Amino acid sequence: FGGLAVLVGLLARPAALGLILVMLAAITKVHWRHGFFINWTMAPGRGHGYEFNVALIAMALSIVIGGAGAISLDRLIVP
């Protein structure tokens, strides 16, 4: 539900923080051993790296810092 909360702007900062934690767990548990880059060639036995997860963390961090925006549901709760 974190992505949906970010989409509509309802409690976007806590949801984005939760998404950051999920991506950090995905990096440490799954993607770290495969390196930084995505496996574009789909080589067998080699998974995707953590490049995309870092991009998602950067996007969620921008929401944590900047908020959900002017037309979000958060503006109805916290002016």
C-alpha atoms as a PDB file:
ATOM      1  CA  PHE A   1       0.000   0.000   0.000  1.00  0.00           C
ATOM      2  CA  GLY A   2       3.056   2.288   0.196  1.00  0.00           C
ATOM      3  CA  GLY A   3       3.089   2.950  -3.537  1.00  0.00           C
ATOM      4  CA  LEU A   4      -0.628   3.704  -3.550  1.00  0.00           C
ATOM      5  CA  ALA A   5      -0.218   6.106  -0.619  1.00  0.00           C
ATOM      6  CA  VAL A   6       2.550   7.932  -2.455  1.00  0.00           C
ATOM      7  CA  LEU A   7       0.439   8.056  -5.625  1.00  0.00           C
ATOM      8  CA  VAL A   8      -2.517   9.780  -3.982  1.00  0.00           C
ATOM      9  CA  GLY A   9      -0.383  11.785  -1.571  1.00  0.00           C
ATOM     10  CA  LEU A  10      -1.853  10.405   1.646  1.00  0.00           C
ATOM     11  CA  LEU A  11       0.802  10.153   4.353  1.00  0.00           C
ATOM     12  CA  ALA A  12       3.349  10.234   1.561  1.00  0.00           C
ATOM     13  CA  ARG A  13       6.393  10.925   3.704  1.00  0.00           C
ATOM     14  CA  PRO A  14       5.940   7.902   6.006  1.00  0.00           C
ATOM     15  CA  ALA A  15       5.049   5.730   3.012  1.00  0.00           C
ATOM     16  CA  ALA A  16       8.156   6.883   1.127  1.00  0.00           C
ATOM     17  CA  LEU A  17      10.286   6.169   4.179  1.00  0.00           C
ATOM     18  CA  GLY A  18       8.809   2.665   4.296  1.00  0.00           C
ATOM     19  CA  LEU A  19       9.601   2.169   0.612  1.00  0.00           C
ATOM     20  CA  ILE A  20      13.196   3.235   1.249  1.00  0.00           C
ATOM     21  CA  LEU A  21      13.479   0.617   3.988  1.00  0.00           C
ATOM     22  CA  VAL A  22      12.023  -2.058   1.698  1.00  0.00           C
ATOM     23  CA  MET A  23      14.494  -1.184  -1.080  1.00  0.00           C
ATOM     24  CA  LEU A  24      17.419  -1.257   1.366  1.00  0.00           C
ATOM     25  CA  ALA A  25      16.318  -4.720   2.487  1.00  0.00           C
ATOM     26  CA  ALA A  26      16.012  -5.840  -1.150  1.00  0.00           C
ATOM     27  CA  ILE A  27      19.524  -4.595  -1.868  1.00  0.00           C
ATOM     28  CA  THR A  28      21.069  -6.340   1.129  1.00  0.00           C
ATOM     29  CA  LYS A  29      19.152  -9.616   0.804  1.00  0.00           C
ATOM     30  CA  VAL A  30      19.005 -10.105  -2.975  1.00  0.00           C
ATOM     31  CA  HIS A  31      20.786  -7.649  -5.256  1.00  0.00           C
ATOM     32  CA  TRP A  32      24.096  -6.800  -3.551  1.00  0.00           C
ATOM     33  CA  ARG A  33      25.882  -9.996  -4.621  1.00  0.00           C
ATOM     34  CA  HIS A  34      25.116  -9.314  -8.304  1.00  0.00           C
ATOM     35  CA  GLY A  35      26.833  -5.927  -8.387  1.00  0.00           C
ATOM     36  CA  PHE A  36      25.591  -2.530  -9.447  1.00  0.00           C
ATOM     37  CA  PHE A  37      24.283  -3.000 -12.977  1.00  0.00           C
ATOM     38  CA  ILE A  38      21.109  -4.648 -14.240  1.00  0.00           C
ATOM     39  CA  ASN A  39      21.567  -7.963 -16.072  1.00  0.00           C
ATOM     40  CA  TRP A  40      20.490  -6.738 -19.520  1.00  0.00           C
ATOM     41  CA  THR A  41      21.628  -9.911 -21.281  1.00  0.00           C
ATOM     42  CA  MET A  42      19.528 -12.080 -18.946  1.00  0.00           C
ATOM     43  CA  ALA A  43      22.494 -14.378 -18.421  1.00  0.00           C
ATOM     44  CA  PRO A  44      21.401 -17.530 -16.589  1.00  0.00           C
ATOM     45  CA  GLY A  45      22.446 -17.759 -12.962  1.00  0.00           C
ATOM     46  CA  ARG A  46      23.023 -14.032 -12.677  1.00  0.00           C
ATOM     47  CA  GLY A  47      20.397 -11.768 -11.193  1.00  0.00           C
ATOM     48  CA  HIS A  48      19.909  -8.042 -11.474  1.00  0.00           C
ATOM     49  CA  GLY A  49      22.123  -5.654  -9.568  1.00  0.00           C
ATOM     50  CA  TYR A  50      21.030  -2.885  -7.229  1.00  0.00           C
ATOM     51  CA  GLU A  51      21.119  -0.012  -9.736  1.00  0.00           C
ATOM     52  CA  PHE A  52      17.329   0.237 -10.073  1.00  0.00           C
ATOM     53  CA  ASN A  53      16.830  -0.007  -6.317  1.00  0.00           C
ATOM     54  CA  VAL A  54      19.138   2.977  -5.798  1.00  0.00           C
ATOM     55  CA  ALA A  55      17.065   4.978  -8.303  1.00  0.00           C
ATOM     56  CA  LEU A  56      13.874   4.071  -6.415  1.00  0.00           C
ATOM     57  CA  ILE A  57      15.501   5.117  -3.132  1.00  0.00           C
ATOM     58  CA  ALA A  58      16.446   8.469  -4.674  1.00  0.00           C
ATOM     59  CA  MET A  59      12.868   9.037  -5.856  1.00  0.00           C
ATOM     60  CA  ALA A  60      11.392   8.126  -2.482  1.00  0.00           C
ATOM     61  CA  LEU A  61      13.971  10.312  -0.726  1.00  0.00           C
ATOM     62  CA  SER A  62      12.835  13.282  -2.795  1.00  0.00           C
ATOM     63  CA  ILE A  63       9.294  12.723  -1.481  1.00  0.00           C
ATOM     64  CA  VAL A  64      10.560  12.442   2.096  1.00  0.00           C
ATOM     65  CA  ILE A  65      12.393  15.748   1.717  1.00  0.00           C
ATOM     66  CA  GLY A  66       9.949  17.692  -0.455  1.00  0.00           C
ATOM     67  CA  GLY A  67       6.596  16.238   0.500  1.00  0.00           C
ATOM     68  CA  ALA A  68       3.771  15.019  -1.675  1.00  0.00           C
ATOM     69  CA  GLY A  69       3.003  18.226  -3.539  1.00  0.00           C
ATOM     70  CA  ALA A  70       0.375  20.924  -3.731  1.00  0.00           C
ATOM     71  CA  ILE A  71      -2.554  18.755  -4.858  1.00  0.00           C
ATOM     72  CA  SER A  72      -1.983  15.851  -2.453  1.00  0.00           C
ATOM     73  CA  LEU A  73      -4.334  14.568   0.218  1.00  0.00           C
ATOM     74  CA  ASP A  74      -1.645  15.455   2.786  1.00  0.00           C
ATOM     75  CA  ARG A  75      -2.434  19.136   2.240  1.00  0.00           C
ATOM     76  CA  LEU A  76      -5.906  18.505   3.675  1.00  0.00           C
ATOM     77  CA  ILE A  77      -4.377  17.039   6.844  1.00  0.00           C
ATOM     78  CA  VAL A  78      -1.291  19.226   7.333  1.00  0.00           C
ATOM     79  CA  PRO A  79      -1.436  22.685   5.712  1.00  0.00           C
END
